[in-house]
Amino acid sequence: MSFAEPPTSPLSRALFRAPVWIYRAGLGPLMGGRFVLLTHKGRSSGQARQAVLEVLEHDRGTGEVLVASGYGARAQWFRNILREPRVLFQVGGVRHRGHARPLPPQESGQALARYAARHPRSAAALMRALGHRADDSAEAYARIGADTENGTPVVRLVPAGPRRPGTLTT
């Protein structure tokens, strides 16, 4: 099964939306720190849209989160945050108002390589499902993250308000 293309059938779309329903039901804490509910504004409709994304890194001190756009620059949520970077995001039971900032390509690659070092099996399975060929080396993940045409861009979610020092962790 490949997830290289976004779901198109009603059933597959419903399955992909299930994590959003979990958050909406108030069960976000069950998702732990591995997932974030991102609420963003639709670039055409102006309506609130939501997506649940896997957390690559999370700084619990500042609340900053790194997420990857698995469908690359064509992902709807990614295209929306480029138009309107003001977002709401929730990790577990903690909600933030903030901004989404795409990382430069080289930093995206470095973030993916760090994620792959911490979660090698998850990273390899994700890359295969998305149609990328990664040889499990840090260089391969760095190339995928830095590829501006077909790669996996990384976005930093930054809470509004004063920032406190801290290190991004998972």
N, C-alpha and C. Protein backbone atom coordinates (compact mmCIF):
# COMPACT_ATOMS: atom_id res chain seq x y z
N MET A 1 0.84 -1.18 0.00
CA MET A 1 0.00 0.00 0.00
C MET A 1 0.88 1.24 0.00
N SER A 2 0.59 2.19 -0.86
CA SER A 2 1.36 3.42 -0.94
C SER A 2 0.49 4.60 -0.56
N PHE A 3 1.09 5.50 0.18
CA PHE A 3 0.41 6.74 0.56
C PHE A 3 1.01 7.91 -0.21
N ALA A 4 1.67 7.60 -1.35
CA ALA A 4 2.34 8.65 -2.12
C ALA A 4 1.35 9.68 -2.65
N GLU A 5 0.10 9.31 -2.77
CA GLU A 5 -0.95 10.24 -3.21
C GLU A 5 -1.96 10.39 -2.07
N PRO A 6 -2.51 11.59 -1.90
CA PRO A 6 -3.53 11.79 -0.86
C PRO A 6 -4.73 10.87 -1.10
N PRO A 7 -5.45 10.50 -0.03
CA PRO A 7 -6.61 9.61 -0.17
C PRO A 7 -7.71 10.25 -1.01
N THR A 8 -8.36 9.44 -1.84
CA THR A 8 -9.41 9.98 -2.70
C THR A 8 -10.77 9.35 -2.46
N SER A 9 -10.81 8.09 -2.02
CA SER A 9 -12.11 7.46 -1.80
C SER A 9 -12.71 7.95 -0.49
N PRO A 10 -14.02 7.94 -0.37
CA PRO A 10 -14.65 8.38 0.88
C PRO A 10 -14.16 7.59 2.11
N LEU A 11 -13.99 6.27 1.95
CA LEU A 11 -13.53 5.46 3.08
C LEU A 11 -12.11 5.83 3.49
N SER A 12 -11.21 5.95 2.52
CA SER A 12 -9.82 6.27 2.86
C SER A 12 -9.72 7.67 3.46
N ARG A 13 -10.51 8.62 2.95
CA ARG A 13 -10.51 9.96 3.54
C ARG A 13 -11.01 9.91 4.99
N ALA A 14 -12.04 9.12 5.24
CA ALA A 14 -12.58 9.00 6.60
C ALA A 14 -11.54 8.41 7.54
N LEU A 15 -10.82 7.39 7.09
CA LEU A 15 -9.78 6.78 7.92
C LEU A 15 -8.65 7.76 8.22
N PHE A 16 -8.27 8.54 7.22
CA PHE A 16 -7.22 9.53 7.43
C PHE A 16 -7.67 10.64 8.37
N ARG A 17 -8.96 10.90 8.45
CA ARG A 17 -9.50 11.95 9.31
C ARG A 17 -9.75 11.48 10.74
N ALA A 18 -9.68 10.18 11.00
CA ALA A 18 -9.99 9.64 12.33
C ALA A 18 -9.21 10.33 13.45
N PRO A 19 -7.90 10.60 13.30
CA PRO A 19 -7.20 11.29 14.39
C PRO A 19 -7.78 12.68 14.70
N VAL A 20 -8.29 13.38 13.69
CA VAL A 20 -8.91 14.69 13.93
C VAL A 20 -10.13 14.50 14.83
N TRP A 21 -10.91 13.47 14.56
CA TRP A 21 -12.10 13.21 15.39
C TRP A 21 -11.70 12.89 16.83
N ILE A 22 -10.59 12.20 17.01
CA ILE A 22 -10.11 11.89 18.36
C ILE A 22 -9.84 13.19 19.12
N TYR A 23 -9.14 14.12 18.47
CA TYR A 23 -8.88 15.42 19.11
C TYR A 23 -10.18 16.17 19.37
N ARG A 24 -11.07 16.19 18.40
CA ARG A 24 -12.34 16.92 18.57
C ARG A 24 -13.16 16.35 19.71
N ALA A 25 -13.03 15.07 19.98
CA ALA A 25 -13.77 14.43 21.07
C ALA A 25 -13.13 14.73 22.43
N GLY A 26 -12.07 15.54 22.44
CA GLY A 26 -11.41 15.87 23.70
C GLY A 26 -10.42 14.82 24.15
N LEU A 27 -10.05 13.91 23.26
CA LEU A 27 -9.16 12.81 23.62
C LEU A 27 -7.73 13.04 23.13
N GLY A 28 -7.38 14.30 22.84
CA GLY A 28 -6.04 14.63 22.37
C GLY A 28 -4.93 14.10 23.26
N PRO A 29 -5.09 14.15 24.60
CA PRO A 29 -4.04 13.61 25.45
C PRO A 29 -3.72 12.14 25.18
N LEU A 30 -4.68 11.38 24.65
CA LEU A 30 -4.41 9.99 24.31
C LEU A 30 -3.41 9.86 23.16
N MET A 31 -3.30 10.91 22.35
CA MET A 31 -2.37 10.89 21.22
C MET A 31 -0.94 11.12 21.69
N GLY A 32 -0.77 11.54 22.94
CA GLY A 32 0.56 11.76 23.48
C GLY A 32 1.27 12.90 22.79
N GLY A 33 2.58 12.88 22.86
CA GLY A 33 3.38 13.93 22.25
C GLY A 33 3.82 13.62 20.84
N ARG A 34 3.40 12.51 20.28
CA ARG A 34 3.85 12.12 18.93
C ARG A 34 3.04 12.77 17.82
N PHE A 35 1.90 13.38 18.16
CA PHE A 35 1.04 13.96 17.13
C PHE A 35 0.59 15.36 17.54
N VAL A 36 0.31 16.18 16.54
CA VAL A 36 -0.17 17.54 16.77
C VAL A 36 -1.42 17.75 15.91
N LEU A 37 -2.42 18.39 16.51
CA LEU A 37 -3.60 18.82 15.76
C LEU A 37 -3.33 20.24 15.30
N LEU A 38 -3.28 20.44 13.99
CA LEU A 38 -3.02 21.75 13.41
C LEU A 38 -4.32 22.31 12.85
N THR A 39 -4.71 23.48 13.33
CA THR A 39 -5.88 24.18 12.80
C THR A 39 -5.36 25.39 12.02
N HIS A 40 -5.74 25.46 10.75
CA HIS A 40 -5.24 26.49 9.85
C HIS A 40 -6.40 27.00 9.01
N LYS A 41 -6.19 28.09 8.30
CA LYS A 41 -7.24 28.70 7.49
C LYS A 41 -7.10 28.27 6.03
N GLY A 42 -8.21 27.81 5.44
CA GLY A 42 -8.22 27.43 4.03
C GLY A 42 -7.89 28.63 3.16
N ARG A 43 -6.98 28.46 2.22
CA ARG A 43 -6.52 29.59 1.41
C ARG A 43 -7.58 30.11 0.47
N SER A 44 -8.52 29.28 0.05
CA SER A 44 -9.59 29.73 -0.84
C SER A 44 -10.87 30.05 -0.07
N SER A 45 -11.24 29.15 0.84
CA SER A 45 -12.51 29.29 1.55
C SER A 45 -12.43 30.24 2.74
N GLY A 46 -11.24 30.35 3.34
CA GLY A 46 -11.11 31.13 4.56
C GLY A 46 -11.65 30.41 5.78
N GLN A 47 -12.13 29.18 5.60
CA GLN A 47 -12.69 28.38 6.69
C GLN A 47 -11.58 27.68 7.47
N ALA A 48 -11.85 27.39 8.74
CA ALA A 48 -10.90 26.64 9.55
C ALA A 48 -10.79 25.21 9.03
N ARG A 49 -9.57 24.74 8.90
CA ARG A 49 -9.28 23.37 8.46
C ARG A 49 -8.38 22.73 9.50
N GLN A 50 -8.42 21.40 9.58
CA GLN A 50 -7.61 20.71 10.58
C GLN A 50 -6.90 19.51 9.97
N ALA A 51 -5.71 19.25 10.50
CA ALA A 51 -4.93 18.08 10.11
C ALA A 51 -4.18 17.60 11.34
N VAL A 52 -4.04 16.29 11.48
CA VAL A 52 -3.20 15.72 12.53
C VAL A 52 -1.91 15.27 11.87
N LEU A 53 -0.79 15.72 12.42
CA LEU A 53 0.52 15.46 11.84
C LEU A 53 1.43 14.84 12.89
N GLU A 54 2.38 14.03 12.43
CA GLU A 54 3.35 13.45 13.36
C GLU A 54 4.37 14.51 13.75
N VAL A 55 4.71 14.54 15.03
CA VAL A 55 5.69 15.48 15.55
C VAL A 55 7.09 14.91 15.29
N LEU A 56 7.94 15.70 14.65
CA LEU A 56 9.33 15.30 14.47
C LEU A 56 10.14 15.66 15.71
N GLU A 57 9.93 16.87 16.21
CA GLU A 57 10.62 17.35 17.40
C GLU A 57 9.67 18.27 18.16
N HIS A 58 9.82 18.29 19.49
CA HIS A 58 8.95 19.11 20.33
C HIS A 58 9.78 19.68 21.47
N ASP A 59 9.80 20.99 21.58
CA ASP A 59 10.47 21.67 22.68
C ASP A 59 9.41 21.97 23.73
N ARG A 60 9.40 21.21 24.79
CA ARG A 60 8.38 21.38 25.82
C ARG A 60 8.55 22.70 26.58
N GLY A 61 9.74 23.26 26.57
CA GLY A 61 9.98 24.53 27.23
C GLY A 61 9.36 25.70 26.50
N THR A 62 9.54 25.74 25.19
CA THR A 62 9.02 26.86 24.39
C THR A 62 7.69 26.52 23.73
N GLY A 63 7.37 25.22 23.63
CA GLY A 63 6.16 24.79 22.94
C GLY A 63 6.34 24.63 21.45
N GLU A 64 7.54 24.93 20.92
CA GLU A 64 7.78 24.80 19.48
C GLU A 64 7.72 23.34 19.05
N VAL A 65 7.20 23.14 17.84
CA VAL A 65 7.03 21.79 17.29
C VAL A 65 7.51 21.80 15.84
N LEU A 66 8.20 20.74 15.43
CA LEU A 66 8.54 20.54 14.03
C LEU A 66 7.67 19.42 13.47
N VAL A 67 7.08 19.67 12.29
CA VAL A 67 6.27 18.66 11.59
C VAL A 67 6.73 18.61 10.14
N ALA A 68 6.51 17.48 9.49
CA ALA A 68 6.88 17.32 8.09
C ALA A 68 5.63 17.23 7.23
N SER A 69 5.74 17.74 6.01
CA SER A 69 4.65 17.65 5.05
C SER A 69 4.88 16.41 4.20
N GLY A 70 4.26 15.30 4.59
CA GLY A 70 4.47 14.03 3.91
C GLY A 70 4.14 14.07 2.43
N TYR A 71 3.16 14.87 2.03
CA TYR A 71 2.81 14.99 0.62
C TYR A 71 3.54 16.15 -0.04
N GLY A 72 4.59 16.62 0.61
CA GLY A 72 5.40 17.68 0.03
C GLY A 72 4.66 19.00 -0.04
N ALA A 73 5.08 19.82 -0.99
CA ALA A 73 4.51 21.16 -1.13
C ALA A 73 3.08 21.12 -1.66
N ARG A 74 2.60 19.95 -2.09
CA ARG A 74 1.22 19.87 -2.61
C ARG A 74 0.19 19.56 -1.52
N ALA A 75 0.64 19.27 -0.30
CA ALA A 75 -0.29 19.01 0.80
C ALA A 75 -1.15 20.25 1.04
N GLN A 76 -2.44 20.04 1.21
CA GLN A 76 -3.36 21.18 1.38
C GLN A 76 -2.99 22.02 2.60
N TRP A 77 -2.70 21.37 3.73
CA TRP A 77 -2.38 22.14 4.93
C TRP A 77 -1.12 22.98 4.70
N PHE A 78 -0.14 22.42 3.99
CA PHE A 78 1.11 23.14 3.72
C PHE A 78 0.84 24.36 2.84
N ARG A 79 0.06 24.17 1.80
CA ARG A 79 -0.28 25.29 0.91
C ARG A 79 -1.06 26.36 1.68
N ASN A 80 -1.92 25.93 2.60
CA ASN A 80 -2.70 26.89 3.39
C ASN A 80 -1.82 27.72 4.31
N ILE A 81 -0.86 27.09 4.97
CA ILE A 81 -0.03 27.86 5.92
C ILE A 81 0.93 28.80 5.19
N LEU A 82 1.23 28.50 3.93
CA LEU A 82 2.04 29.44 3.16
C LEU A 82 1.27 30.73 2.92
N ARG A 83 -0.03 30.61 2.71
CA ARG A 83 -0.89 31.78 2.47
C ARG A 83 -1.18 32.50 3.78
N GLU A 84 -1.50 31.74 4.83
CA GLU A 84 -1.85 32.33 6.14
C GLU A 84 -1.13 31.54 7.23
N PRO A 85 0.00 32.07 7.72
CA PRO A 85 0.81 31.32 8.69
C PRO A 85 0.26 31.31 10.13
N ARG A 86 -0.75 32.13 10.42
CA ARG A 86 -1.31 32.10 11.78
C ARG A 86 -2.11 30.82 11.96
N VAL A 87 -1.79 30.07 13.02
CA VAL A 87 -2.40 28.76 13.24
C VAL A 87 -2.72 28.57 14.72
N LEU A 88 -3.50 27.54 14.98
CA LEU A 88 -3.68 26.99 16.32
C LEU A 88 -3.11 25.59 16.26
N PHE A 89 -2.45 25.15 17.34
CA PHE A 89 -1.99 23.77 17.35
C PHE A 89 -2.05 23.20 18.75
N GLN A 90 -2.26 21.89 18.81
CA GLN A 90 -2.44 21.20 20.07
C GLN A 90 -1.59 19.93 20.07
N VAL A 91 -0.74 19.81 21.08
CA VAL A 91 0.04 18.60 21.30
C VAL A 91 -0.46 17.99 22.59
N GLY A 92 -1.01 16.78 22.51
CA GLY A 92 -1.63 16.18 23.68
C GLY A 92 -2.77 17.08 24.13
N GLY A 93 -2.72 17.53 25.39
CA GLY A 93 -3.77 18.39 25.90
C GLY A 93 -3.40 19.86 25.93
N VAL A 94 -2.24 20.23 25.37
CA VAL A 94 -1.76 21.61 25.43
C VAL A 94 -2.01 22.31 24.09
N ARG A 95 -2.74 23.43 24.16
CA ARG A 95 -3.10 24.19 22.96
C ARG A 95 -2.28 25.47 22.88
N HIS A 96 -1.94 25.84 21.65
CA HIS A 96 -1.18 27.07 21.40
C HIS A 96 -1.78 27.83 20.23
N ARG A 97 -1.72 29.15 20.32
CA ARG A 97 -1.96 30.04 19.19
C ARG A 97 -0.56 30.40 18.71
N GLY A 98 -0.33 30.39 17.39
CA GLY A 98 1.03 30.71 16.94
C GLY A 98 1.14 30.87 15.44
N HIS A 99 2.34 30.61 14.95
CA HIS A 99 2.66 30.77 13.53
C HIS A 99 3.35 29.51 13.01
N ALA A 100 3.11 29.23 11.74
CA ALA A 100 3.77 28.12 11.05
C ALA A 100 4.83 28.71 10.14
N ARG A 101 6.06 28.22 10.27
CA ARG A 101 7.17 28.75 9.48
C ARG A 101 7.92 27.61 8.81
N PRO A 102 7.82 27.49 7.48
CA PRO A 102 8.59 26.45 6.79
C PRO A 102 10.08 26.67 7.00
N LEU A 103 10.80 25.58 7.23
CA LEU A 103 12.24 25.67 7.38
C LEU A 103 12.89 25.77 5.99
N PRO A 104 14.06 26.39 5.91
CA PRO A 104 14.80 26.34 4.66
C PRO A 104 15.11 24.88 4.31
N PRO A 105 15.29 24.57 3.02
CA PRO A 105 15.49 23.18 2.60
C PRO A 105 16.59 22.43 3.37
N GLN A 106 17.73 23.06 3.57
CA GLN A 106 18.82 22.36 4.27
C GLN A 106 18.42 22.03 5.71
N GLU A 107 17.75 22.94 6.39
CA GLU A 107 17.29 22.67 7.76
C GLU A 107 16.23 21.58 7.78
N SER A 108 15.36 21.55 6.76
CA SER A 108 14.36 20.48 6.67
C SER A 108 15.07 19.13 6.60
N GLY A 109 16.10 19.05 5.76
CA GLY A 109 16.86 17.81 5.64
C GLY A 109 17.50 17.39 6.95
N GLN A 110 18.08 18.34 7.66
CA GLN A 110 18.70 18.03 8.94
C GLN A 110 17.67 17.54 9.96
N ALA A 111 16.49 18.16 9.96
CA ALA A 111 15.43 17.75 10.89
C ALA A 111 14.97 16.33 10.59
N LEU A 112 14.80 15.99 9.30
CA LEU A 112 14.40 14.62 8.94
C LEU A 112 15.48 13.63 9.33
N ALA A 113 16.74 13.99 9.14
CA ALA A 113 17.84 13.09 9.52
C ALA A 113 17.84 12.84 11.03
N ARG A 114 17.61 13.89 11.83
CA ARG A 114 17.55 13.71 13.29
C ARG A 114 16.38 12.80 13.67
N TYR A 115 15.22 13.01 13.03
CA TYR A 115 14.05 12.17 13.30
C TYR A 115 14.36 10.71 12.97
N ALA A 116 14.99 10.48 11.82
CA ALA A 116 15.32 9.12 11.40
C ALA A 116 16.30 8.46 12.37
N ALA A 117 17.21 9.23 12.93
CA ALA A 117 18.16 8.67 13.90
C ALA A 117 17.44 8.23 15.18
N ARG A 118 16.40 8.97 15.58
CA ARG A 118 15.66 8.63 16.81
C ARG A 118 14.61 7.56 16.57
N HIS A 119 14.02 7.53 15.37
CA HIS A 119 12.92 6.61 15.06
C HIS A 119 13.20 5.94 13.71
N PRO A 120 14.23 5.09 13.63
CA PRO A 120 14.63 4.55 12.32
C PRO A 120 13.55 3.73 11.62
N ARG A 121 12.85 2.90 12.34
CA ARG A 121 11.82 2.07 11.69
C ARG A 121 10.64 2.91 11.20
N SER A 122 10.19 3.82 12.05
CA SER A 122 9.07 4.69 11.65
C SER A 122 9.46 5.54 10.45
N ALA A 123 10.66 6.09 10.47
CA ALA A 123 11.11 6.94 9.37
C ALA A 123 11.21 6.14 8.07
N ALA A 124 11.78 4.95 8.14
CA ALA A 124 11.93 4.12 6.93
C ALA A 124 10.56 3.74 6.37
N ALA A 125 9.64 3.34 7.25
CA ALA A 125 8.29 2.95 6.79
C ALA A 125 7.57 4.15 6.17
N LEU A 126 7.70 5.31 6.79
CA LEU A 126 7.05 6.51 6.27
C LEU A 126 7.61 6.87 4.89
N MET A 127 8.91 6.83 4.75
CA MET A 127 9.52 7.18 3.46
C MET A 127 9.09 6.21 2.36
N ARG A 128 9.04 4.91 2.69
CA ARG A 128 8.58 3.92 1.70
C ARG A 128 7.12 4.19 1.32
N ALA A 129 6.28 4.45 2.33
CA ALA A 129 4.86 4.68 2.07
C ALA A 129 4.64 5.92 1.20
N LEU A 130 5.52 6.90 1.34
CA LEU A 130 5.38 8.13 0.57
C LEU A 130 6.10 8.06 -0.78
N GLY A 131 6.67 6.90 -1.07
CA GLY A 131 7.30 6.72 -2.38
C GLY A 131 8.73 7.20 -2.48
N HIS A 132 9.37 7.49 -1.35
CA HIS A 132 10.78 7.91 -1.36
C HIS A 132 11.66 6.69 -1.19
N ARG A 133 12.83 6.74 -1.79
CA ARG A 133 13.82 5.68 -1.60
C ARG A 133 14.89 6.23 -0.66
N ALA A 134 14.91 5.72 0.54
CA ALA A 134 15.92 6.14 1.52
C ALA A 134 16.72 4.91 1.92
N ASP A 135 18.04 5.06 1.95
CA ASP A 135 18.90 3.94 2.31
C ASP A 135 19.20 3.92 3.81
N ASP A 136 18.40 4.60 4.59
CA ASP A 136 18.53 4.68 6.05
C ASP A 136 19.75 5.45 6.51
N SER A 137 20.43 6.14 5.61
CA SER A 137 21.56 6.97 6.02
C SER A 137 21.06 8.38 6.32
N ALA A 138 21.79 9.07 7.17
CA ALA A 138 21.43 10.46 7.48
C ALA A 138 21.45 11.30 6.21
N GLU A 139 22.37 10.98 5.31
CA GLU A 139 22.48 11.74 4.06
C GLU A 139 21.23 11.58 3.20
N ALA A 140 20.68 10.36 3.16
CA ALA A 140 19.47 10.12 2.35
C ALA A 140 18.29 10.93 2.89
N TYR A 141 18.11 10.92 4.21
CA TYR A 141 17.00 11.70 4.79
C TYR A 141 17.24 13.19 4.60
N ALA A 142 18.49 13.62 4.72
CA ALA A 142 18.80 15.03 4.50
C ALA A 142 18.47 15.44 3.06
N ARG A 143 18.76 14.56 2.10
CA ARG A 143 18.43 14.86 0.69
C ARG A 143 16.92 14.97 0.49
N ILE A 144 16.16 14.05 1.10
CA ILE A 144 14.70 14.07 0.95
C ILE A 144 14.12 15.36 1.53
N GLY A 145 14.62 15.77 2.69
CA GLY A 145 14.12 17.00 3.30
C GLY A 145 14.52 18.25 2.54
N ALA A 146 15.69 18.21 1.90
CA ALA A 146 16.20 19.38 1.19
C ALA A 146 15.70 19.48 -0.25
N ASP A 147 15.07 18.42 -0.76
CA ASP A 147 14.58 18.40 -2.14
C ASP A 147 13.36 19.31 -2.27
N THR A 148 13.52 20.44 -2.93
CA THR A 148 12.42 21.41 -3.04
C THR A 148 11.38 21.01 -4.08
N GLU A 149 11.68 20.06 -4.94
CA GLU A 149 10.73 19.62 -5.97
C GLU A 149 9.82 18.50 -5.47
N ASN A 150 10.42 17.42 -4.97
CA ASN A 150 9.66 16.21 -4.60
C ASN A 150 9.92 15.76 -3.18
N GLY A 151 10.52 16.59 -2.38
CA GLY A 151 10.92 16.18 -1.04
C GLY A 151 9.84 16.37 0.00
N THR A 152 10.28 16.36 1.24
CA THR A 152 9.39 16.46 2.40
C THR A 152 9.78 17.70 3.20
N PRO A 153 9.13 18.83 2.96
CA PRO A 153 9.48 20.04 3.71
C PRO A 153 9.06 19.92 5.18
N VAL A 154 9.80 20.61 6.02
CA VAL A 154 9.53 20.61 7.46
C VAL A 154 9.09 22.02 7.87
N VAL A 155 8.12 22.06 8.78
CA VAL A 155 7.53 23.32 9.25
C VAL A 155 7.70 23.41 10.76
N ARG A 156 8.09 24.60 11.21
CA ARG A 156 8.19 24.88 12.65
C ARG A 156 6.91 25.59 13.08
N LEU A 157 6.24 25.05 14.10
CA LEU A 157 5.07 25.68 14.70
C LEU A 157 5.56 26.40 15.95
N VAL A 158 5.38 27.71 15.97
CA VAL A 158 5.92 28.55 17.03
C VAL A 158 4.77 29.20 17.79
N PRO A 159 4.66 28.94 19.11
CA PRO A 159 3.61 29.60 19.89
C PRO A 159 3.79 31.11 19.90
N ALA A 160 2.69 31.84 19.94
CA ALA A 160 2.75 33.30 20.06
C ALA A 160 3.22 33.64 21.46
N GLY A 161 3.81 34.81 21.61
CA GLY A 161 4.26 35.24 22.92
C GLY A 161 5.76 35.08 23.07
N PRO A 162 6.26 35.42 24.25
CA PRO A 162 7.71 35.37 24.46
C PRO A 162 8.24 33.95 24.37
N ARG A 163 9.42 33.83 23.80
CA ARG A 163 10.06 32.52 23.67
C ARG A 163 11.00 32.31 24.85
N ARG A 164 11.06 31.09 25.29
CA ARG A 164 11.99 30.71 26.34
C ARG A 164 13.01 29.75 25.73
N PRO A 165 14.25 29.77 26.20
CA PRO A 165 15.24 28.86 25.63
C PRO A 165 14.87 27.41 25.91
N GLY A 166 15.29 26.55 25.04
CA GLY A 166 15.02 25.12 25.21
C GLY A 166 15.54 24.35 24.02
N THR A 167 15.59 23.06 24.15
CA THR A 167 16.07 22.20 23.08
C THR A 167 14.91 21.39 22.54
N LEU A 168 14.81 21.31 21.23
CA LEU A 168 13.75 20.50 20.62
C LEU A 168 14.00 19.04 20.92
N THR A 169 12.97 18.35 21.37
CA THR A 169 13.06 16.92 21.66
C THR A 169 11.80 16.25 21.20
N THR A 170 11.79 14.93 21.23
CA THR A 170 10.56 14.20 20.91
C THR A 170 9.94 13.71 22.17
